[in-house]
Amino acid sequence: MASTTDPLPSWHDSAVKKQIIEFVTQTTTPGSDDFIAVADRIATFDNDCTLWSEKPIYLQVYFAMDRVKAMADQHPEWKTTEPFASTLKGDVEALSAQGLDGIMKLVMASHGNMTTEAFHQAVRDWLKTAKHPTTGKPYTDMVYQPMLELLDYLRENDYQPFIISGGGIEFMRVWAPEVYQIPTENIVGTTLKTEYKIIDGKPAIQRLSELDFVNDKSVKPVTIQNYIGKRPVMAFGNSDGDMQMLQWTKAGPGPRLSLIIHHTDDKREWAYDKDSSVGRLDKSFEVGQKEGWLFVDMKNDWKTIYKP
């Protein structure tokens, strides 16, 4: 059953917080008309700008940019080829303007042609020293304290959180289990193609410089079905890239909750929505209002943004 103490202390006592607590209480109280069996308590979360920041650009892209800079001596053609030329100049704005296609080219060049173990180690090494260019925080400190509390609250009530993200699955698997307390097998994201190989006499999984699938938009409900096998009861996102996941969740039978994080705080974080090149939130406004989604106003609903 839901706790009688405040489970979300970093949230203001707003209507959104009240509805979240009421939903969890009703769905976990035996005898309630809205009771949901433990096995069916599935909650899915986008990662970028739902659980951590994504400005000025998706945080994984900074890892890709640093990798490209380190590999540049081996690729002199990158100096005059996009998106590498903008990357080598450190021009994040120009890189963002190239959209998802440019970012995917960068990711494939910097994330492939190595074993899974080597890639994981490269991410670990990067995270040891890398800092966000605006806040100066380690990237794993760019996570939202209110959402960490929500994850804890759901687990305390036997909900099982999953990450369903457009970010790289192996990139997140390195740090997300520790930061979010979400196990590796509950993380689903964009993947590169891989193959089994014998390298130096030992079996290995080799990452190729070729996309398998981008886990975004209409792909998210498909990967949820393929990886989890159940429709979520709760779904959390922040952009039009999450719209289909939230629609599919809300359309299921029985009690359902779909929620959008709206970035409205230009002092403590960033304020953006329909005009943003990253995390665009436009169509989901119309759809969400029609379908009864909840909308978190970061400026007014959260007492604090980042974890202490």
C-alpha atoms as a PDB file:
ATOM      1  CA  MET A   1       0.000   0.000   0.000  1.00  0.00           C
ATOM      2  CA  ALA A   2       1.096   3.593  -0.571  1.00  0.00           C
ATOM      3  CA  SER A   3       2.985   5.312   2.243  1.00  0.00           C
ATOM      4  CA  THR A   4       1.157   7.808   4.469  1.00  0.00           C
ATOM      5  CA  THR A   5       4.257  10.033   4.670  1.00  0.00           C
ATOM      6  CA  ASP A   6       5.216  12.449   1.894  1.00  0.00           C
ATOM      7  CA  PRO A   7       6.830  10.260  -0.765  1.00  0.00           C
ATOM      8  CA  LEU A   8       7.723  13.193  -3.043  1.00  0.00           C
ATOM      9  CA  PRO A   9       9.315  15.873  -0.838  1.00  0.00           C
ATOM     10  CA  SER A  10      10.951  17.711  -3.760  1.00  0.00           C
ATOM     11  CA  TRP A  11       7.547  18.264  -5.360  1.00  0.00           C
ATOM     12  CA  HIS A  12       5.313  21.194  -4.466  1.00  0.00           C
ATOM     13  CA  ASP A  13       1.887  20.187  -3.185  1.00  0.00           C
ATOM     14  CA  SER A  14       0.300  20.743  -6.579  1.00  0.00           C
ATOM     15  CA  ALA A  15      -2.585  19.027  -8.342  1.00  0.00           C
ATOM     16  CA  VAL A  16      -0.120  16.890 -10.323  1.00  0.00           C
ATOM     17  CA  LYS A  17       1.567  15.534  -7.201  1.00  0.00           C
ATOM     18  CA  LYS A  18      -1.825  14.829  -5.645  1.00  0.00           C
ATOM     19  CA  GLN A  19      -3.010  12.908  -8.686  1.00  0.00           C
ATOM     20  CA  ILE A  20       0.164  10.805  -8.832  1.00  0.00           C
ATOM     21  CA  ILE A  21      -0.169   9.828  -5.169  1.00  0.00           C
ATOM     22  CA  GLU A  22      -3.880   9.133  -5.540  1.00  0.00           C
ATOM     23  CA  PHE A  23      -3.228   6.929  -8.573  1.00  0.00           C
ATOM     24  CA  VAL A  24      -0.541   4.897  -6.801  1.00  0.00           C
ATOM     25  CA  THR A  25      -2.690   4.565  -3.669  1.00  0.00           C
ATOM     26  CA  GLN A  26      -5.768   3.418  -5.577  1.00  0.00           C
ATOM     27  CA  THR A  27      -3.889   0.910  -7.718  1.00  0.00           C
ATOM     28  CA  THR A  28      -1.977  -0.675  -4.819  1.00  0.00           C
ATOM     29  CA  THR A  29      -4.673  -0.844  -2.133  1.00  0.00           C
ATOM     30  CA  PRO A  30      -6.240  -4.329  -1.886  1.00  0.00           C
ATOM     31  CA  GLY A  31      -9.988  -4.162  -2.309  1.00  0.00           C
ATOM     32  CA  SER A  32      -9.832  -0.980  -4.374  1.00  0.00           C
ATOM     33  CA  ASP A  33     -11.829  -1.000  -7.609  1.00  0.00           C
ATOM     34  CA  ASP A  34      -8.635   0.182  -9.322  1.00  0.00           C
ATOM     35  CA  PHE A  35      -6.323  -2.400  -7.737  1.00  0.00           C
ATOM     36  CA  ILE A  36      -3.604  -3.661 -10.091  1.00  0.00           C
ATOM     37  CA  ALA A  37      -1.792  -6.944  -9.497  1.00  0.00           C
ATOM     38  CA  VAL A  38       1.912  -6.597  -8.719  1.00  0.00           C
ATOM     39  CA  ALA A  39       2.907  -8.472 -11.875  1.00  0.00           C
ATOM     40  CA  ASP A  40       1.138  -5.848 -13.997  1.00  0.00           C
ATOM     41  CA  ARG A  41       2.564  -2.743 -12.316  1.00  0.00           C
ATOM     42  CA  ILE A  42       4.741  -1.610 -15.208  1.00  0.00           C
ATOM     43  CA  ALA A  43       5.938   2.020 -15.446  1.00  0.00           C
ATOM     44  CA  THR A  44       7.947   3.225 -18.440  1.00  0.00           C
ATOM     45  CA  PHE A  45      10.182   6.300 -18.476  1.00  0.00           C
ATOM     46  CA  ASP A  46      11.860   8.154 -21.270  1.00  0.00           C
ATOM     47  CA  ASN A  47      15.372   9.187 -20.207  1.00  0.00           C
ATOM     48  CA  ASP A  48      16.498  12.350 -22.010  1.00  0.00           C
ATOM     49  CA  CYS A  49      14.832  15.291 -20.273  1.00  0.00           C
ATOM     50  CA  THR A  50      12.422  13.035 -18.408  1.00  0.00           C
ATOM     51  CA  LEU A  51      15.009  11.667 -15.988  1.00  0.00           C
ATOM     52  CA  TRP A  52      18.006  13.861 -16.855  1.00  0.00           C
ATOM     53  CA  SER A  53      18.701  17.002 -18.889  1.00  0.00           C
ATOM     54  CA  GLU A  54      19.113  17.095 -22.667  1.00  0.00           C
ATOM     55  CA  LYS A  55      20.294  20.669 -23.245  1.00  0.00           C
ATOM     56  CA  PRO A  56      22.081  22.250 -25.033  1.00  0.00           C
ATOM     57  CA  ILE A  57      22.014  18.883 -26.868  1.00  0.00           C
ATOM     58  CA  TYR A  58      21.405  15.262 -25.900  1.00  0.00           C
ATOM     59  CA  LEU A  59      24.026  14.465 -23.275  1.00  0.00           C
ATOM     60  CA  GLN A  60      25.142  11.281 -25.009  1.00  0.00           C
ATOM     61  CA  VAL A  61      26.128  13.438 -27.980  1.00  0.00           C
ATOM     62  CA  TYR A  62      28.842  15.058 -25.854  1.00  0.00           C
ATOM     63  CA  PHE A  63      30.339  11.606 -25.389  1.00  0.00           C
ATOM     64  CA  ALA A  64      30.159  11.060 -29.160  1.00  0.00           C
ATOM     65  CA  MET A  65      31.768  14.451 -29.806  1.00  0.00           C
ATOM     66  CA  ASP A  66      34.656  13.725 -27.474  1.00  0.00           C
ATOM     67  CA  ARG A  67      35.146  10.321 -29.092  1.00  0.00           C
ATOM     68  CA  VAL A  68      35.237  11.888 -32.568  1.00  0.00           C
ATOM     69  CA  LYS A  69      37.804  14.466 -31.449  1.00  0.00           C
ATOM     70  CA  ALA A  70      39.971  11.684 -30.050  1.00  0.00           C
ATOM     71  CA  MET A  71      39.699   9.735 -33.335  1.00  0.00           C
ATOM     72  CA  ALA A  72      40.183  12.731 -35.656  1.00  0.00           C
ATOM     73  CA  ASP A  73      43.842  12.041 -36.480  1.00  0.00           C
ATOM     74  CA  GLN A  74      42.770   8.792 -38.117  1.00  0.00           C
ATOM     75  CA  HIS A  75      40.141  10.558 -40.244  1.00  0.00           C
ATOM     76  CA  PRO A  76      41.507  13.701 -41.923  1.00  0.00           C
ATOM     77  CA  GLU A  77      38.397  13.776 -44.151  1.00  0.00           C
ATOM     78  CA  TRP A  78      36.287  14.705 -41.123  1.00  0.00           C
ATOM     79  CA  LYS A  79      37.636  18.265 -41.191  1.00  0.00           C
ATOM     80  CA  THR A  80      35.483  19.010 -44.236  1.00  0.00           C
ATOM     81  CA  THR A  81      32.653  16.484 -43.774  1.00  0.00           C
ATOM     82  CA  GLU A  82      29.533  17.014 -41.680  1.00  0.00           C
ATOM     83  CA  PRO A  83      28.583  16.351 -38.963  1.00  0.00           C
ATOM     84  CA  PHE A  84      32.243  15.839 -38.082  1.00  0.00           C
ATOM     85  CA  ALA A  85      33.445  19.300 -39.121  1.00  0.00           C
ATOM     86  CA  SER A  86      31.025  20.996 -36.723  1.00  0.00           C
ATOM     87  CA  THR A  87      31.956  18.504 -34.021  1.00  0.00           C
ATOM     88  CA  LEU A  88      35.680  19.184 -34.347  1.00  0.00           C
ATOM     89  CA  LYS A  89      34.969  22.920 -34.095  1.00  0.00           C
ATOM     90  CA  GLY A  90      32.869  22.316 -30.988  1.00  0.00           C
ATOM     91  CA  ASP A  91      29.906  23.980 -32.698  1.00  0.00           C
ATOM     92  CA  VAL A  92      26.968  22.407 -30.869  1.00  0.00           C
ATOM     93  CA  GLU A  93      24.452  24.745 -32.499  1.00  0.00           C
ATOM     94  CA  ALA A  94      25.527  23.749 -36.007  1.00  0.00           C
ATOM     95  CA  LEU A  95      25.467  20.094 -35.018  1.00  0.00           C
ATOM     96  CA  SER A  96      21.959  20.429 -33.567  1.00  0.00           C
ATOM     97  CA  ALA A  97      20.771  22.060 -36.784  1.00  0.00           C
ATOM     98  CA  GLN A  98      21.636  18.861 -38.666  1.00  0.00           C
ATOM     99  CA  GLY A  99      18.909  17.043 -36.779  1.00  0.00           C
ATOM    100  CA  LEU A 100      18.659  13.363 -35.962  1.00  0.00           C
ATOM    101  CA  ASP A 101      20.405  12.264 -39.161  1.00  0.00           C
ATOM    102  CA  GLY A 102      23.537  14.201 -38.271  1.00  0.00           C
ATOM    103  CA  ILE A 103      23.513  12.930 -34.703  1.00  0.00           C
ATOM    104  CA  MET A 104      23.069   9.325 -35.840  1.00  0.00           C
ATOM    105  CA  LYS A 105      26.061   9.633 -38.208  1.00  0.00           C
ATOM    106  CA  LEU A 106      28.132  10.898 -35.298  1.00  0.00           C
ATOM    107  CA  VAL A 107      26.953   8.073 -33.042  1.00  0.00           C
ATOM    108  CA  MET A 108      27.627   5.347 -35.580  1.00  0.00           C
ATOM    109  CA  ALA A 109      31.161   6.612 -36.234  1.00  0.00           C
ATOM    110  CA  SER A 110      32.034   6.978 -32.551  1.00  0.00           C
ATOM    111  CA  HIS A 111      30.152   4.056 -30.973  1.00  0.00           C
ATOM    112  CA  GLY A 112      30.889   1.214 -33.384  1.00  0.00           C
ATOM    113  CA  ASN A 113      33.849  -0.924 -34.472  1.00  0.00           C
ATOM    114  CA  MET A 114      34.608  -2.186 -30.983  1.00  0.00           C
ATOM    115  CA  THR A 115      33.466  -4.896 -28.619  1.00  0.00           C
ATOM    116  CA  THR A 116      30.663  -4.248 -26.155  1.00  0.00           C
ATOM    117  CA  GLU A 117      33.154  -4.498 -23.284  1.00  0.00           C
ATOM    118  CA  ALA A 118      35.457  -1.919 -24.890  1.00  0.00           C
ATOM    119  CA  PHE A 119      32.541   0.441 -25.458  1.00  0.00           C
ATOM    120  CA  HIS A 120      31.379   0.125 -21.846  1.00  0.00           C
ATOM    121  CA  GLN A 121      34.896   0.910 -20.643  1.00  0.00           C
ATOM    122  CA  ALA A 122      35.093   3.969 -22.909  1.00  0.00           C
ATOM    123  CA  VAL A 123      31.859   5.300 -21.389  1.00  0.00           C
ATOM    124  CA  ARG A 124      33.099   4.638 -17.839  1.00  0.00           C
ATOM    125  CA  ASP A 125      36.382   6.416 -18.520  1.00  0.00           C
ATOM    126  CA  TRP A 126      34.580   9.409 -20.035  1.00  0.00           C
ATOM    127  CA  LEU A 127      32.178   9.748 -17.121  1.00  0.00           C
ATOM    128  CA  LYS A 128      35.059   9.906 -14.639  1.00  0.00           C
ATOM    129  CA  THR A 129      36.101  13.368 -15.829  1.00  0.00           C
ATOM    130  CA  ALA A 130      33.476  14.734 -18.233  1.00  0.00           C
ATOM    131  CA  LYS A 131      31.461  17.762 -17.073  1.00  0.00           C
ATOM    132  CA  HIS A 132      28.377  19.435 -18.478  1.00  0.00           C
ATOM    133  CA  PRO A 133      29.461  22.551 -20.435  1.00  0.00           C
ATOM    134  CA  THR A 134      26.837  24.829 -18.867  1.00  0.00           C
ATOM    135  CA  THR A 135      26.457  23.660 -15.271  1.00  0.00           C
ATOM    136  CA  GLY A 136      29.919  22.177 -14.684  1.00  0.00           C
ATOM    137  CA  LYS A 137      28.260  19.144 -13.072  1.00  0.00           C
ATOM    138  CA  PRO A 138      29.272  15.563 -13.797  1.00  0.00           C
ATOM    139  CA  TYR A 139      26.772  14.238 -16.317  1.00  0.00           C
ATOM    140  CA  THR A 140      25.351  11.729 -13.860  1.00  0.00           C
ATOM    141  CA  ASP A 141      24.498  14.639 -11.542  1.00  0.00           C
ATOM    142  CA  MET A 142      22.266  16.138 -14.235  1.00  0.00           C
ATOM    143  CA  VAL A 143      19.425  13.857 -13.133  1.00  0.00           C
ATOM    144  CA  TYR A 144      16.208  15.215 -11.644  1.00  0.00           C
ATOM    145  CA  GLN A 145      15.751  14.793  -7.910  1.00  0.00           C
ATOM    146  CA  PRO A 146      11.920  14.799  -8.139  1.00  0.00           C
ATOM    147  CA  MET A 147      12.061  11.932 -10.624  1.00  0.00           C
ATOM    148  CA  LEU A 148      14.491   9.948  -8.462  1.00  0.00           C
ATOM    149  CA  GLU A 149      11.936  10.278  -5.667  1.00  0.00           C
ATOM    150  CA  LEU A 150       9.178   9.140  -7.998  1.00  0.00           C
ATOM    151  CA  LEU A 151      11.175   6.067  -9.010  1.00  0.00           C
ATOM    152  CA  ASP A 152      11.727   5.206  -5.332  1.00  0.00           C
ATOM    153  CA  TYR A 153       8.042   5.756  -4.563  1.00  0.00           C
ATOM    154  CA  LEU A 154       6.929   3.457  -7.342  1.00  0.00           C
ATOM    155  CA  ARG A 155       9.358   0.716  -6.339  1.00  0.00           C
ATOM    156  CA  GLU A 156       8.161   0.949  -2.739  1.00  0.00           C
ATOM    157  CA  ASN A 157       4.706   0.177  -4.089  1.00  0.00           C
ATOM    158  CA  ASP A 158       5.837  -2.749  -6.216  1.00  0.00           C
ATOM    159  CA  TYR A 159       5.832  -0.913  -9.521  1.00  0.00           C
ATOM    160  CA  GLN A 160       8.605  -1.996 -11.869  1.00  0.00           C
ATOM    161  CA  PRO A 161      10.219   0.945 -13.717  1.00  0.00           C
ATOM    162  CA  PHE A 162      11.654   0.529 -17.207  1.00  0.00           C
ATOM    163  CA  ILE A 163      13.645   3.033 -19.262  1.00  0.00           C
ATOM    164  CA  ILE A 164      12.323   3.275 -22.824  1.00  0.00           C
ATOM    165  CA  SER A 165      14.621   5.836 -24.409  1.00  0.00           C
ATOM    166  CA  GLY A 166      15.882   7.098 -27.743  1.00  0.00           C
ATOM    167  CA  GLY A 167      19.331   7.113 -26.153  1.00  0.00           C
ATOM    168  CA  GLY A 168      21.809   4.311 -26.772  1.00  0.00           C
ATOM    169  CA  ILE A 169      20.981   1.148 -24.875  1.00  0.00           C
ATOM    170  CA  GLU A 170      24.616   0.228 -24.126  1.00  0.00           C
ATOM    171  CA  PHE A 171      25.498   3.824 -23.205  1.00  0.00           C
ATOM    172  CA  MET A 172      22.737   3.869 -20.567  1.00  0.00           C
ATOM    173  CA  ARG A 173      23.513   0.382 -19.290  1.00  0.00           C
ATOM    174  CA  VAL A 174      26.894   1.601 -18.027  1.00  0.00           C
ATOM    175  CA  TRP A 175      25.589   4.183 -15.525  1.00  0.00           C
ATOM    176  CA  ALA A 176      21.773   4.086 -15.312  1.00  0.00           C
ATOM    177  CA  PRO A 177      21.501   0.994 -13.070  1.00  0.00           C
ATOM    178  CA  GLU A 178      23.482   2.757 -10.338  1.00  0.00           C
ATOM    179  CA  VAL A 179      22.007   6.242 -10.826  1.00  0.00           C
ATOM    180  CA  TYR A 180      18.342   5.221 -11.173  1.00  0.00           C
ATOM    181  CA  GLN A 181      18.419   1.822  -9.444  1.00  0.00           C
ATOM    182  CA  ILE A 182      16.937   0.331 -12.605  1.00  0.00           C
ATOM    183  CA  PRO A 183      18.472  -3.031 -13.585  1.00  0.00           C
ATOM    184  CA  THR A 184      20.194  -3.528 -16.907  1.00  0.00           C
ATOM    185  CA  GLU A 185      17.459  -5.791 -18.243  1.00  0.00           C
ATOM    186  CA  ASN A 186      14.900  -2.986 -17.692  1.00  0.00           C
ATOM    187  CA  ILE A 187      16.711  -0.574 -20.021  1.00  0.00           C
ATOM    188  CA  VAL A 188      15.651  -0.330 -23.669  1.00  0.00           C
ATOM    189  CA  GLY A 189      17.143   2.136 -26.130  1.00  0.00           C
ATOM    190  CA  THR A 190      18.491   2.747 -29.603  1.00  0.00           C
ATOM    191  CA  THR A 191      20.816  -0.033 -30.730  1.00  0.00           C
ATOM    192  CA  LEU A 192      23.614  -0.563 -33.212  1.00  0.00           C
ATOM    193  CA  LYS A 193      23.855  -3.849 -35.024  1.00  0.00           C
ATOM    194  CA  THR A 194      26.201  -6.366 -33.437  1.00  0.00           C
ATOM    195  CA  GLU A 195      27.740  -9.685 -34.317  1.00  0.00           C
ATOM    196  CA  TYR A 196      29.312 -12.601 -32.502  1.00  0.00           C
ATOM    197  CA  LYS A 197      33.023 -12.947 -33.241  1.00  0.00           C
ATOM    198  CA  ILE A 198      36.118 -14.706 -31.981  1.00  0.00           C
ATOM    199  CA  ILE A 199      38.689 -12.003 -31.213  1.00  0.00           C
ATOM    200  CA  ASP A 200      42.176 -13.015 -30.058  1.00  0.00           C
ATOM    201  CA  GLY A 201      40.818 -16.493 -29.432  1.00  0.00           C
ATOM    202  CA  LYS A 202      37.935 -15.310 -27.218  1.00  0.00           C
ATOM    203  CA  PRO A 203      34.222 -14.984 -27.951  1.00  0.00           C
ATOM    204  CA  ALA A 204      33.017 -11.375 -28.126  1.00  0.00           C
ATOM    205  CA  ILE A 205      30.091  -9.241 -29.226  1.00  0.00           C
ATOM    206  CA  GLN A 206      31.327  -6.742 -31.818  1.00  0.00           C
ATOM    207  CA  ARG A 207      29.488  -3.452 -32.290  1.00  0.00           C
ATOM    208  CA  LEU A 208      29.099  -2.411 -35.923  1.00  0.00           C
ATOM    209  CA  SER A 209      28.885   1.122 -37.292  1.00  0.00           C
ATOM    210  CA  GLU A 210      25.343   0.473 -38.462  1.00  0.00           C
ATOM    211  CA  LEU A 211      22.015   1.251 -36.827  1.00  0.00           C
ATOM    212  CA  ASP A 212      19.723  -1.570 -35.802  1.00  0.00           C
ATOM    213  CA  PHE A 213      16.799   0.661 -34.786  1.00  0.00           C
ATOM    214  CA  VAL A 214      16.157   4.112 -33.324  1.00  0.00           C
ATOM    215  CA  ASN A 215      13.929   3.724 -30.274  1.00  0.00           C
ATOM    216  CA  ASP A 216      11.768   6.798 -30.771  1.00  0.00           C
ATOM    217  CA  LYS A 217       8.160   7.779 -31.534  1.00  0.00           C
ATOM    218  CA  SER A 218       6.081   4.862 -32.873  1.00  0.00           C
ATOM    219  CA  VAL A 219       8.952   2.439 -32.280  1.00  0.00           C
ATOM    220  CA  LYS A 220       8.641   2.809 -28.495  1.00  0.00           C
ATOM    221  CA  PRO A 221       5.353   0.894 -28.099  1.00  0.00           C
ATOM    222  CA  VAL A 222       6.783  -1.827 -30.348  1.00  0.00           C
ATOM    223  CA  THR A 223       9.942  -2.219 -28.265  1.00  0.00           C
ATOM    224  CA  ILE A 224       7.861  -2.213 -25.075  1.00  0.00           C
ATOM    225  CA  GLN A 225       5.837  -5.109 -26.449  1.00  0.00           C
ATOM    226  CA  ASN A 226       8.933  -6.927 -27.695  1.00  0.00           C
ATOM    227  CA  TYR A 227      11.094  -6.418 -24.585  1.00  0.00           C
ATOM    228  CA  ILE A 228       8.509  -6.317 -21.776  1.00  0.00           C
ATOM    229  CA  GLY A 229       5.495  -8.096 -23.240  1.00  0.00           C
ATOM    230  CA  LYS A 230       2.968  -5.991 -21.317  1.00  0.00           C
ATOM    231  CA  ARG A 231       1.340  -2.628 -21.845  1.00  0.00           C
ATOM    232  CA  PRO A 232       2.508  -0.159 -19.155  1.00  0.00           C
ATOM    233  CA  VAL A 233       0.126   1.147 -16.507  1.00  0.00           C
ATOM    234  CA  MET A 234       2.096   4.389 -16.213  1.00  0.00           C
ATOM    235  CA  ALA A 235       4.244   6.186 -18.800  1.00  0.00           C
ATOM    236  CA  PHE A 236       6.415   9.286 -18.432  1.00  0.00           C
ATOM    237  CA  GLY A 237       7.932  11.421 -21.185  1.00  0.00           C
ATOM    238  CA  ASN A 238       8.712  14.998 -22.178  1.00  0.00           C
ATOM    239  CA  SER A 239       8.493  15.329 -25.955  1.00  0.00           C
ATOM    240  CA  ASP A 240       6.677  14.387 -29.128  1.00  0.00           C
ATOM    241  CA  GLY A 241       9.094  11.476 -29.354  1.00  0.00           C
ATOM    242  CA  ASP A 242       7.230   9.960 -26.388  1.00  0.00           C
ATOM    243  CA  MET A 243       3.723  10.629 -27.680  1.00  0.00           C
ATOM    244  CA  GLN A 244       2.962   7.150 -29.009  1.00  0.00           C
ATOM    245  CA  MET A 245       4.228   5.489 -25.823  1.00  0.00           C
ATOM    246  CA  LEU A 246       1.944   7.673 -23.721  1.00  0.00           C
ATOM    247  CA  GLN A 247      -0.986   7.216 -26.105  1.00  0.00           C
ATOM    248  CA  TRP A 248      -0.631   3.435 -26.082  1.00  0.00           C
ATOM    249  CA  THR A 249      -0.360   3.352 -22.302  1.00  0.00           C
ATOM    250  CA  LYS A 250      -3.410   5.549 -21.767  1.00  0.00           C
ATOM    251  CA  ALA A 251      -5.511   3.519 -24.213  1.00  0.00           C
ATOM    252  CA  GLY A 252      -5.253   0.334 -22.162  1.00  0.00           C
ATOM    253  CA  PRO A 253      -8.080  -0.995 -19.984  1.00  0.00           C
ATOM    254  CA  GLY A 254      -8.438  -0.034 -16.330  1.00  0.00           C
ATOM    255  CA  PRO A 255      -6.609   2.784 -14.537  1.00  0.00           C
ATOM    256  CA  ARG A 256      -3.831   4.416 -16.589  1.00  0.00           C
ATOM    257  CA  LEU A 257      -1.566   7.416 -16.115  1.00  0.00           C
ATOM    258  CA  SER A 258       0.420   9.231 -18.798  1.00  0.00           C
ATOM    259  CA  LEU A 259       2.546  12.226 -17.827  1.00  0.00           C
ATOM    260  CA  ILE A 260       4.613  14.850 -19.659  1.00  0.00           C
ATOM    261  CA  ILE A 261       7.489  16.804 -18.091  1.00  0.00           C
ATOM    262  CA  HIS A 262       7.186  20.360 -19.458  1.00  0.00           C
ATOM    263  CA  HIS A 263      10.434  22.320 -19.272  1.00  0.00           C
ATOM    264  CA  THR A 264       9.364  25.769 -18.085  1.00  0.00           C
ATOM    265  CA  ASP A 265      12.198  26.840 -15.775  1.00  0.00           C
ATOM    266  CA  ASP A 266      14.754  29.028 -17.541  1.00  0.00           C
ATOM    267  CA  LYS A 267      16.503  29.882 -14.262  1.00  0.00           C
ATOM    268  CA  ARG A 268      17.179  26.482 -12.731  1.00  0.00           C
ATOM    269  CA  GLU A 269      17.198  24.497 -15.988  1.00  0.00           C
ATOM    270  CA  TRP A 270      15.860  25.446 -19.448  1.00  0.00           C
ATOM    271  CA  ALA A 271      12.490  26.593 -20.810  1.00  0.00           C
ATOM    272  CA  TYR A 272      11.488  25.145 -24.185  1.00  0.00           C
ATOM    273  CA  ASP A 273       8.804  23.209 -26.031  1.00  0.00           C
ATOM    274  CA  LYS A 274       7.468  23.508 -29.606  1.00  0.00           C
ATOM    275  CA  ASP A 275      10.348  25.564 -31.040  1.00  0.00           C
ATOM    276  CA  SER A 276      13.147  23.405 -29.663  1.00  0.00           C
ATOM    277  CA  SER A 277      15.420  21.370 -31.933  1.00  0.00           C
ATOM    278  CA  VAL A 278      15.981  18.992 -29.012  1.00  0.00           C
ATOM    279  CA  GLY A 279      13.077  17.539 -27.063  1.00  0.00           C
ATOM    280  CA  ARG A 280      10.406  19.237 -29.179  1.00  0.00           C
ATOM    281  CA  LEU A 281       7.047  19.292 -27.393  1.00  0.00           C
ATOM    282  CA  ASP A 282       4.217  20.316 -29.722  1.00  0.00           C
ATOM    283  CA  LYS A 283       1.709  17.722 -30.921  1.00  0.00           C
ATOM    284  CA  SER A 284       1.728  16.060 -27.508  1.00  0.00           C
ATOM    285  CA  PHE A 285       0.114  19.163 -25.989  1.00  0.00           C
ATOM    286  CA  GLU A 286      -2.981  18.730 -28.111  1.00  0.00           C
ATOM    287  CA  VAL A 287      -3.111  14.955 -27.810  1.00  0.00           C
ATOM    288  CA  GLY A 288      -2.350  14.927 -24.099  1.00  0.00           C
ATOM    289  CA  GLN A 289      -4.989  17.476 -23.201  1.00  0.00           C
ATOM    290  CA  LYS A 290      -7.575  15.566 -25.198  1.00  0.00           C
ATOM    291  CA  GLU A 291      -6.670  12.241 -23.620  1.00  0.00           C
ATOM    292  CA  GLY A 292      -6.287  13.473 -20.049  1.00  0.00           C
ATOM    293  CA  TRP A 293      -2.541  13.230 -19.540  1.00  0.00           C
ATOM    294  CA  LEU A 294      -0.867  14.977 -16.626  1.00  0.00           C
ATOM    295  CA  PHE A 295       1.569  17.821 -17.332  1.00  0.00           C
ATOM    296  CA  VAL A 296       4.361  18.691 -14.887  1.00  0.00           C
ATOM    297  CA  ASP A 297       5.292  22.378 -14.904  1.00  0.00           C
ATOM    298  CA  MET A 298       8.907  22.178 -13.750  1.00  0.00           C
ATOM    299  CA  LYS A 299       9.006  25.783 -12.569  1.00  0.00           C
ATOM    300  CA  ASN A 300       5.910  25.524 -10.426  1.00  0.00           C
ATOM    301  CA  ASP A 301       5.656  21.826  -9.555  1.00  0.00           C
ATOM    302  CA  TRP A 302       9.225  21.079  -8.465  1.00  0.00           C
ATOM    303  CA  LYS A 303      10.922  22.566  -5.414  1.00  0.00           C
ATOM    304  CA  THR A 304      14.323  21.534  -6.723  1.00  0.00           C
ATOM    305  CA  ILE A 305      15.601  20.320 -10.077  1.00  0.00           C
ATOM    306  CA  TYR A 306      18.828  18.361  -9.716  1.00  0.00           C
ATOM    307  CA  LYS A 307      19.829  15.849  -7.107  1.00  0.00           C
ATOM    308  CA  PRO A 308      21.829  17.418  -4.211  1.00  0.00           C
END
